[in-house]
């Protein structure tokens, strides 16, 4: 079945084969990659630690953008501690929340890990996006942690969407 596409110049074209990303208006979603993980990351260290899942995407045009989104449950217990959360493109930091959360007593506190970032990588090479967390003090920080009181397994999600530029 033919597809009708109206270009940015207002001219309609009928496509009978695959649609090329250059034929789509700016803002169109070209591809979506979603990765899920049941990996739990629990740490008392103060070093930067990668969390799962990472996602890999190959843009079809260097002028396109990549929208990266991540969500996972988390929690922290212990003394006062500031939490850092960051996004990396091919192991290079491109976004950081230096005070993503803060814990100031000894009880457990929720740290829901949610982030969205619109990147302009300017490449058609494969890109891997990953998130990492760090804490200020040696508390108990958990990303995507399971609780034995509930059935099922926690699942973290990372999504990368290529957006026409």
N, C-alpha and C. Protein backbone atom coordinates (compact mmCIF):
# COMPACT_ATOMS: atom_id res chain seq x y z
N UNK A 1 0.84 -1.17 0.00
CA UNK A 1 0.00 0.00 0.00
C UNK A 1 0.89 1.24 0.00
N UNK A 2 0.68 2.17 -0.90
CA UNK A 2 1.52 3.36 -0.97
C UNK A 2 1.33 4.24 0.26
N UNK A 3 2.39 4.96 0.62
CA UNK A 3 2.38 5.89 1.73
C UNK A 3 2.50 7.29 1.19
N UNK A 4 1.62 8.20 1.63
CA UNK A 4 1.70 9.59 1.22
C UNK A 4 2.44 10.37 2.30
N UNK A 5 3.46 11.09 1.89
CA UNK A 5 4.26 11.89 2.81
C UNK A 5 4.25 13.32 2.32
N UNK A 6 3.96 14.25 3.22
CA UNK A 6 4.01 15.66 2.86
C UNK A 6 5.32 16.21 3.40
N UNK A 7 6.17 16.68 2.51
CA UNK A 7 7.48 17.21 2.88
C UNK A 7 7.38 18.59 3.49
N UNK A 8 8.50 19.11 3.96
CA UNK A 8 8.53 20.43 4.58
C UNK A 8 8.18 21.54 3.59
N UNK A 9 8.28 21.25 2.29
CA UNK A 9 7.93 22.26 1.27
C UNK A 9 6.45 22.21 0.92
N UNK A 10 5.66 21.34 1.60
CA UNK A 10 4.23 21.25 1.38
C UNK A 10 3.84 20.35 0.22
N UNK A 11 4.81 19.77 -0.48
CA UNK A 11 4.55 18.91 -1.62
C UNK A 11 4.33 17.48 -1.14
N UNK A 12 3.23 16.88 -1.57
CA UNK A 12 2.94 15.49 -1.21
C UNK A 12 3.59 14.56 -2.21
N UNK A 13 4.15 13.47 -1.69
CA UNK A 13 4.77 12.46 -2.53
C UNK A 13 4.18 11.11 -2.15
N UNK A 14 4.02 10.24 -3.13
CA UNK A 14 3.55 8.90 -2.85
C UNK A 14 4.76 7.97 -2.91
N UNK A 15 4.98 7.26 -1.82
CA UNK A 15 6.10 6.32 -1.72
C UNK A 15 5.55 4.91 -1.82
N UNK A 16 6.17 4.07 -2.61
CA UNK A 16 5.72 2.69 -2.72
C UNK A 16 6.68 1.74 -2.04
N UNK A 17 7.88 2.18 -1.75
CA UNK A 17 8.87 1.32 -1.10
C UNK A 17 9.15 1.83 0.30
N UNK A 18 10.33 1.51 0.79
CA UNK A 18 10.74 1.94 2.12
C UNK A 18 10.89 3.46 2.15
N UNK A 19 10.55 4.05 3.27
CA UNK A 19 10.67 5.49 3.44
C UNK A 19 12.07 5.80 3.96
N UNK A 20 12.75 6.73 3.33
CA UNK A 20 14.07 7.16 3.78
C UNK A 20 13.89 8.25 4.82
N UNK A 21 14.80 8.31 5.80
CA UNK A 21 14.66 9.30 6.86
C UNK A 21 14.70 10.73 6.33
N UNK A 22 15.39 10.98 5.22
CA UNK A 22 15.45 12.31 4.64
C UNK A 22 14.12 12.77 4.06
N UNK A 23 13.18 11.82 3.85
CA UNK A 23 11.86 12.15 3.32
C UNK A 23 10.89 12.58 4.41
N UNK A 24 11.26 12.43 5.66
CA UNK A 24 10.36 12.74 6.77
C UNK A 24 10.58 14.15 7.28
N UNK A 25 9.52 14.81 7.74
CA UNK A 25 9.68 16.16 8.28
C UNK A 25 10.43 16.12 9.62
N UNK A 26 11.07 17.24 9.96
CA UNK A 26 11.80 17.35 11.23
C UNK A 26 10.87 17.01 12.38
N UNK A 27 11.38 16.28 13.34
CA UNK A 27 10.60 15.87 14.50
C UNK A 27 9.99 14.50 14.37
N UNK A 28 10.05 13.90 13.19
CA UNK A 28 9.50 12.56 12.99
C UNK A 28 10.38 11.53 13.69
N UNK A 29 9.76 10.51 14.24
CA UNK A 29 10.50 9.41 14.86
C UNK A 29 10.91 8.44 13.77
N UNK A 30 12.20 8.19 13.66
CA UNK A 30 12.72 7.32 12.61
C UNK A 30 12.88 5.89 13.11
N UNK A 31 13.44 5.73 14.32
CA UNK A 31 13.58 4.40 14.89
C UNK A 31 13.56 4.50 16.41
N UNK A 32 13.15 3.39 17.03
CA UNK A 32 13.09 3.31 18.49
C UNK A 32 13.77 2.01 18.91
N UNK A 33 14.66 2.12 19.90
CA UNK A 33 15.32 0.94 20.47
C UNK A 33 15.05 0.96 21.97
N UNK A 34 14.46 -0.12 22.46
CA UNK A 34 14.20 -0.25 23.90
C UNK A 34 14.94 -1.46 24.44
N UNK A 35 15.60 -1.28 25.58
CA UNK A 35 16.31 -2.37 26.24
C UNK A 35 15.83 -2.41 27.69
N UNK A 36 15.55 -3.60 28.18
CA UNK A 36 15.17 -3.77 29.58
C UNK A 36 16.20 -4.63 30.28
N UNK A 37 16.25 -4.49 31.59
CA UNK A 37 17.21 -5.27 32.37
C UNK A 37 16.64 -5.55 33.76
N UNK A 38 16.88 -6.74 34.24
CA UNK A 38 16.51 -7.10 35.61
C UNK A 38 17.73 -7.08 36.53
N UNK A 39 18.85 -6.56 36.03
CA UNK A 39 20.08 -6.48 36.83
C UNK A 39 19.91 -5.47 37.96
N UNK A 40 20.23 -5.90 39.17
CA UNK A 40 20.19 -5.03 40.34
C UNK A 40 21.59 -4.51 40.60
N UNK A 41 21.71 -3.23 40.86
CA UNK A 41 23.01 -2.64 41.20
C UNK A 41 22.90 -2.10 42.62
N UNK A 42 23.56 -2.77 43.56
CA UNK A 42 23.60 -2.36 44.95
C UNK A 42 25.05 -2.06 45.30
N UNK A 43 25.30 -0.89 45.92
CA UNK A 43 26.67 -0.53 46.22
C UNK A 43 26.77 0.29 47.49
N UNK A 44 27.90 0.18 48.14
CA UNK A 44 28.25 1.06 49.26
C UNK A 44 29.49 1.88 48.90
N UNK A 45 30.00 1.71 47.69
CA UNK A 45 31.20 2.42 47.25
C UNK A 45 30.86 3.86 46.86
N UNK A 46 31.86 4.72 46.83
CA UNK A 46 31.66 6.12 46.43
C UNK A 46 32.14 6.39 45.01
N UNK A 47 32.50 5.35 44.28
CA UNK A 47 32.94 5.52 42.89
C UNK A 47 31.75 5.51 41.94
N UNK A 48 31.95 6.04 40.74
CA UNK A 48 30.91 6.06 39.72
C UNK A 48 30.70 4.63 39.22
N UNK A 49 29.44 4.19 39.19
CA UNK A 49 29.12 2.80 38.81
C UNK A 49 28.07 2.82 37.70
N UNK A 50 28.33 2.10 36.61
CA UNK A 50 27.36 1.96 35.52
C UNK A 50 26.17 1.17 36.00
N UNK A 51 24.97 1.54 35.51
CA UNK A 51 23.76 0.80 35.80
C UNK A 51 23.17 0.31 34.49
N UNK A 52 22.45 -0.78 34.55
CA UNK A 52 21.84 -1.39 33.37
C UNK A 52 20.41 -0.89 33.21
N UNK A 53 19.90 -0.90 31.99
CA UNK A 53 20.54 -1.33 30.76
C UNK A 53 21.14 -0.17 29.98
N UNK A 54 22.14 -0.49 29.19
CA UNK A 54 22.63 0.46 28.19
C UNK A 54 21.86 0.20 26.90
N UNK A 55 21.91 1.15 25.97
CA UNK A 55 21.21 0.99 24.70
C UNK A 55 22.12 1.44 23.57
N UNK A 56 22.08 0.73 22.45
CA UNK A 56 22.89 1.07 21.29
C UNK A 56 21.97 1.38 20.11
N UNK A 57 22.29 2.46 19.40
CA UNK A 57 21.50 2.89 18.26
C UNK A 57 22.44 3.44 17.20
N UNK A 58 22.10 3.26 15.92
CA UNK A 58 22.89 3.80 14.82
C UNK A 58 22.03 4.79 14.04
N UNK A 59 22.32 6.10 14.18
CA UNK A 59 21.52 7.11 13.47
C UNK A 59 21.65 6.96 11.95
N UNK A 60 20.57 7.26 11.24
CA UNK A 60 20.60 7.16 9.78
C UNK A 60 21.12 8.45 9.14
N UNK A 61 21.18 9.55 9.90
CA UNK A 61 21.70 10.81 9.39
C UNK A 61 22.41 11.55 10.52
N UNK A 62 23.50 12.22 10.19
CA UNK A 62 24.25 12.96 11.22
C UNK A 62 23.51 14.20 11.70
N UNK A 63 22.47 14.63 10.99
CA UNK A 63 21.70 15.79 11.43
C UNK A 63 20.54 15.41 12.37
N UNK A 64 20.33 14.13 12.58
CA UNK A 64 19.25 13.68 13.45
C UNK A 64 19.65 13.73 14.91
N UNK A 65 18.65 13.77 15.77
CA UNK A 65 18.87 13.79 17.21
C UNK A 65 18.47 12.44 17.80
N UNK A 66 18.95 12.17 19.00
CA UNK A 66 18.61 10.94 19.71
C UNK A 66 18.01 11.34 21.06
N UNK A 67 16.78 10.91 21.32
CA UNK A 67 16.14 11.11 22.61
C UNK A 67 16.39 9.86 23.44
N UNK A 68 17.09 10.02 24.57
CA UNK A 68 17.43 8.90 25.44
C UNK A 68 16.61 9.03 26.72
N UNK A 69 15.95 7.95 27.12
CA UNK A 69 15.13 7.95 28.33
C UNK A 69 15.47 6.72 29.17
N UNK A 70 15.42 6.90 30.49
CA UNK A 70 15.73 5.80 31.41
C UNK A 70 14.79 5.89 32.60
N UNK A 71 14.35 4.74 33.08
CA UNK A 71 13.56 4.70 34.30
C UNK A 71 13.84 3.41 35.06
N UNK A 72 13.95 3.55 36.38
CA UNK A 72 14.17 2.41 37.26
C UNK A 72 13.87 2.85 38.69
N UNK A 73 13.48 1.90 39.51
CA UNK A 73 13.30 2.19 40.93
C UNK A 73 14.65 2.21 41.62
N UNK A 74 14.71 2.90 42.73
CA UNK A 74 15.95 2.94 43.50
C UNK A 74 15.68 3.35 44.93
N UNK A 75 16.66 3.13 45.79
CA UNK A 75 16.54 3.55 47.17
C UNK A 75 17.92 3.66 47.80
N UNK A 76 17.95 4.34 48.96
CA UNK A 76 19.21 4.56 49.66
C UNK A 76 18.95 4.50 51.16
N UNK A 77 19.94 4.01 51.89
CA UNK A 77 19.85 3.95 53.34
C UNK A 77 21.21 4.30 53.92
N UNK A 78 21.21 5.01 55.02
CA UNK A 78 22.45 5.34 55.70
C UNK A 78 22.51 6.80 56.08
N UNK A 79 23.70 7.26 56.35
CA UNK A 79 23.91 8.64 56.79
C UNK A 79 23.71 9.62 55.63
N UNK A 80 23.84 10.90 55.90
CA UNK A 80 23.66 11.93 54.87
C UNK A 80 24.53 11.64 53.66
N UNK A 81 23.92 11.73 52.48
CA UNK A 81 24.66 11.45 51.26
C UNK A 81 23.98 12.12 50.07
N UNK A 82 24.77 12.71 49.21
CA UNK A 82 24.28 13.28 47.97
C UNK A 82 24.49 12.25 46.86
N UNK A 83 23.54 12.18 45.92
CA UNK A 83 23.60 11.19 44.83
C UNK A 83 23.80 11.90 43.50
N UNK A 84 24.66 11.34 42.68
CA UNK A 84 24.92 11.85 41.33
C UNK A 84 24.38 10.82 40.34
N UNK A 85 23.77 11.30 39.24
CA UNK A 85 23.26 10.43 38.19
C UNK A 85 23.69 11.05 36.88
N UNK A 86 24.23 10.25 35.96
CA UNK A 86 24.72 10.82 34.71
C UNK A 86 24.46 9.92 33.53
N UNK A 87 24.46 10.55 32.34
CA UNK A 87 24.31 9.86 31.05
C UNK A 87 25.62 9.96 30.30
N UNK A 88 26.04 8.84 29.71
CA UNK A 88 27.27 8.80 28.93
C UNK A 88 26.97 8.35 27.51
N UNK A 89 27.64 8.97 26.54
CA UNK A 89 27.61 8.54 25.15
C UNK A 89 28.97 7.96 24.85
N UNK A 90 29.02 6.68 24.52
CA UNK A 90 30.29 6.00 24.23
C UNK A 90 31.32 6.29 25.32
N UNK A 91 30.90 6.15 26.58
CA UNK A 91 31.74 6.30 27.77
C UNK A 91 32.21 7.71 28.06
N UNK A 92 31.60 8.72 27.42
CA UNK A 92 31.90 10.12 27.71
C UNK A 92 30.65 10.78 28.29
N UNK A 93 30.78 11.43 29.42
CA UNK A 93 29.64 12.06 30.07
C UNK A 93 29.09 13.20 29.22
N UNK A 94 27.76 13.17 28.99
CA UNK A 94 27.11 14.25 28.23
C UNK A 94 26.04 14.96 29.05
N UNK A 95 25.62 14.40 30.18
CA UNK A 95 24.64 15.03 31.07
C UNK A 95 24.88 14.54 32.48
N UNK A 96 24.81 15.45 33.44
CA UNK A 96 25.01 15.09 34.84
C UNK A 96 24.01 15.82 35.72
N UNK A 97 23.46 15.10 36.67
CA UNK A 97 22.68 15.70 37.76
C UNK A 97 23.52 15.47 39.01
N UNK A 98 24.30 16.48 39.40
CA UNK A 98 25.23 16.32 40.52
C UNK A 98 24.55 16.15 41.87
N UNK A 99 23.35 16.65 41.99
CA UNK A 99 22.61 16.45 43.24
C UNK A 99 21.25 15.88 42.86
N UNK A 100 21.29 14.69 42.27
CA UNK A 100 20.09 14.03 41.79
C UNK A 100 19.15 13.71 42.95
N UNK A 101 19.73 13.38 44.09
CA UNK A 101 18.96 13.09 45.29
C UNK A 101 19.80 13.35 46.51
N UNK A 102 19.15 13.37 47.66
CA UNK A 102 19.89 13.61 48.89
C UNK A 102 19.24 12.84 50.02
N UNK A 103 20.05 12.21 50.83
CA UNK A 103 19.60 11.41 51.96
C UNK A 103 20.16 12.03 53.21
N UNK A 104 19.31 12.29 54.23
CA UNK A 104 19.84 12.95 55.43
C UNK A 104 19.50 12.25 56.74
N UNK A 105 19.07 10.99 56.70
CA UNK A 105 18.88 10.24 57.95
C UNK A 105 19.22 8.78 57.69
N UNK A 106 18.96 7.92 58.68
CA UNK A 106 19.39 6.52 58.54
C UNK A 106 18.31 5.60 57.97
N UNK A 107 17.08 6.07 57.78
CA UNK A 107 16.01 5.25 57.21
C UNK A 107 16.18 5.11 55.71
N UNK A 108 15.45 4.16 55.13
CA UNK A 108 15.44 4.01 53.67
C UNK A 108 14.68 5.18 53.06
N UNK A 109 15.17 5.66 51.92
CA UNK A 109 14.50 6.73 51.18
C UNK A 109 14.44 6.32 49.71
N UNK A 110 13.32 6.62 49.03
CA UNK A 110 13.24 6.28 47.61
C UNK A 110 14.09 7.21 46.75
N UNK A 111 14.70 6.65 45.75
CA UNK A 111 15.45 7.40 44.74
C UNK A 111 14.97 6.87 43.38
N UNK A 112 13.86 7.39 42.86
CA UNK A 112 13.41 6.91 41.54
C UNK A 112 14.33 7.48 40.46
N UNK A 113 14.93 6.62 39.70
CA UNK A 113 15.84 7.03 38.64
C UNK A 113 15.05 7.25 37.35
N UNK A 114 14.90 8.51 36.94
CA UNK A 114 14.21 8.88 35.70
C UNK A 114 15.02 9.96 35.02
N UNK A 115 15.25 9.81 33.74
CA UNK A 115 15.99 10.84 33.00
C UNK A 115 15.57 10.81 31.54
N UNK A 116 15.55 11.99 30.93
CA UNK A 116 15.32 12.15 29.49
C UNK A 116 16.31 13.19 29.00
N UNK A 117 16.94 12.91 27.86
CA UNK A 117 17.94 13.83 27.32
C UNK A 117 17.89 13.78 25.80
N UNK A 118 17.82 14.94 25.15
CA UNK A 118 17.83 15.02 23.69
C UNK A 118 19.25 15.34 23.24
N UNK A 119 19.89 14.37 22.61
CA UNK A 119 21.30 14.47 22.21
C UNK A 119 21.42 14.78 20.72
N UNK A 120 22.45 15.52 20.38
CA UNK A 120 22.79 15.80 18.98
C UNK A 120 24.17 15.21 18.71
N UNK A 121 24.26 13.90 18.44
CA UNK A 121 25.57 13.24 18.34
C UNK A 121 26.35 13.54 17.07
N UNK A 122 25.69 14.05 16.01
CA UNK A 122 26.37 14.43 14.76
C UNK A 122 27.19 13.28 14.17
N UNK A 123 26.57 12.10 14.06
CA UNK A 123 27.26 10.94 13.54
C UNK A 123 26.26 9.95 12.94
N UNK A 124 26.77 9.07 12.09
CA UNK A 124 25.97 7.93 11.62
C UNK A 124 26.61 6.62 12.09
N UNK A 125 27.55 6.73 13.01
CA UNK A 125 28.18 5.55 13.61
C UNK A 125 27.34 5.06 14.78
N UNK A 126 27.51 3.82 15.13
CA UNK A 126 26.81 3.22 16.26
C UNK A 126 27.16 3.97 17.55
N UNK A 127 26.15 4.23 18.37
CA UNK A 127 26.32 4.94 19.63
C UNK A 127 25.78 4.08 20.76
N UNK A 128 26.51 3.98 21.86
CA UNK A 128 26.01 3.31 23.05
C UNK A 128 25.81 4.35 24.14
N UNK A 129 24.60 4.38 24.68
CA UNK A 129 24.26 5.27 25.79
C UNK A 129 24.14 4.43 27.05
N UNK A 130 24.73 4.91 28.14
CA UNK A 130 24.59 4.24 29.42
C UNK A 130 24.47 5.28 30.53
N UNK A 131 23.86 4.86 31.62
CA UNK A 131 23.70 5.70 32.80
C UNK A 131 24.60 5.19 33.90
N UNK A 132 25.00 6.09 34.79
CA UNK A 132 25.86 5.73 35.92
C UNK A 132 25.42 6.51 37.14
N UNK A 133 25.68 5.96 38.32
CA UNK A 133 25.32 6.62 39.57
C UNK A 133 26.53 6.65 40.50
N UNK A 134 26.50 7.60 41.41
CA UNK A 134 27.58 7.75 42.38
C UNK A 134 26.99 8.37 43.64
N UNK A 135 27.58 8.04 44.78
CA UNK A 135 27.14 8.63 46.03
C UNK A 135 28.32 9.28 46.75
N UNK A 136 28.00 10.24 47.60
CA UNK A 136 29.01 11.00 48.30
C UNK A 136 29.64 10.22 49.45
N UNK A 137 28.83 9.47 50.19
CA UNK A 137 29.31 8.73 51.35
C UNK A 137 29.05 7.24 51.18
N UNK A 138 29.60 6.44 52.07
CA UNK A 138 29.46 4.98 51.98
C UNK A 138 28.12 4.52 52.54
N UNK A 139 27.03 4.90 51.89
CA UNK A 139 25.71 4.44 52.29
C UNK A 139 25.34 3.25 51.40
N UNK A 140 24.14 2.76 51.54
CA UNK A 140 23.65 1.64 50.74
C UNK A 140 22.76 2.20 49.64
N UNK A 141 23.28 2.31 48.42
CA UNK A 141 22.57 2.87 47.27
C UNK A 141 22.18 1.73 46.34
N UNK A 142 20.91 1.72 45.93
CA UNK A 142 20.40 0.62 45.10
C UNK A 142 19.66 1.16 43.88
N UNK A 143 19.95 0.55 42.74
CA UNK A 143 19.29 0.86 41.47
C UNK A 143 18.62 -0.42 40.99
N UNK A 144 17.31 -0.35 40.73
CA UNK A 144 16.54 -1.49 40.23
C UNK A 144 16.56 -2.66 41.20
N UNK A 145 16.49 -2.37 42.49
CA UNK A 145 16.58 -3.40 43.51
C UNK A 145 15.27 -4.15 43.68
N UNK A 146 15.37 -5.47 43.88
CA UNK A 146 14.20 -6.31 44.12
C UNK A 146 13.89 -6.36 45.61
N UNK A 147 12.66 -6.70 45.92
CA UNK A 147 12.23 -6.91 47.29
C UNK A 147 11.61 -8.30 47.35
N UNK A 148 12.08 -9.13 48.25
CA UNK A 148 11.60 -10.51 48.35
C UNK A 148 10.13 -10.59 48.74
N UNK A 149 9.55 -9.50 49.24
CA UNK A 149 8.14 -9.51 49.66
C UNK A 149 7.17 -9.43 48.49
N UNK A 150 7.66 -9.12 47.31
CA UNK A 150 6.80 -8.97 46.14
C UNK A 150 7.16 -10.01 45.09
N UNK A 151 6.14 -10.48 44.37
CA UNK A 151 6.37 -11.43 43.29
C UNK A 151 6.88 -10.68 42.06
N UNK A 152 7.62 -11.36 41.23
CA UNK A 152 8.13 -10.75 40.01
C UNK A 152 9.50 -10.15 40.23
N UNK A 153 10.02 -9.56 39.19
CA UNK A 153 11.35 -9.00 39.20
C UNK A 153 11.29 -7.56 38.73
N UNK A 154 12.08 -6.70 39.37
CA UNK A 154 12.15 -5.31 38.93
C UNK A 154 12.78 -5.25 37.55
N UNK A 155 12.35 -4.28 36.77
CA UNK A 155 12.88 -4.15 35.42
C UNK A 155 13.16 -2.69 35.12
N UNK A 156 14.43 -2.38 34.82
CA UNK A 156 14.83 -1.04 34.39
C UNK A 156 14.69 -0.96 32.88
N UNK A 157 14.39 0.26 32.38
CA UNK A 157 14.16 0.44 30.96
C UNK A 157 14.99 1.63 30.45
N UNK A 158 15.66 1.44 29.33
CA UNK A 158 16.33 2.53 28.63
C UNK A 158 15.85 2.51 27.18
N UNK A 159 15.45 3.69 26.69
CA UNK A 159 14.92 3.82 25.33
C UNK A 159 15.72 4.87 24.59
N UNK A 160 16.07 4.60 23.34
CA UNK A 160 16.70 5.58 22.46
C UNK A 160 15.81 5.73 21.23
N UNK A 161 15.47 6.98 20.90
CA UNK A 161 14.63 7.27 19.75
C UNK A 161 15.38 8.20 18.81
N UNK A 162 15.50 7.81 17.55
CA UNK A 162 16.10 8.71 16.56
C UNK A 162 15.02 9.64 16.03
N UNK A 163 15.29 10.94 16.08
CA UNK A 163 14.34 11.98 15.68
C UNK A 163 14.92 12.71 14.47
N UNK A 164 14.12 12.85 13.42
CA UNK A 164 14.58 13.53 12.21
C UNK A 164 14.93 14.98 12.53
N UNK A 165 16.10 15.42 12.01
CA UNK A 165 16.59 16.78 12.28
C UNK A 165 16.10 17.79 11.28
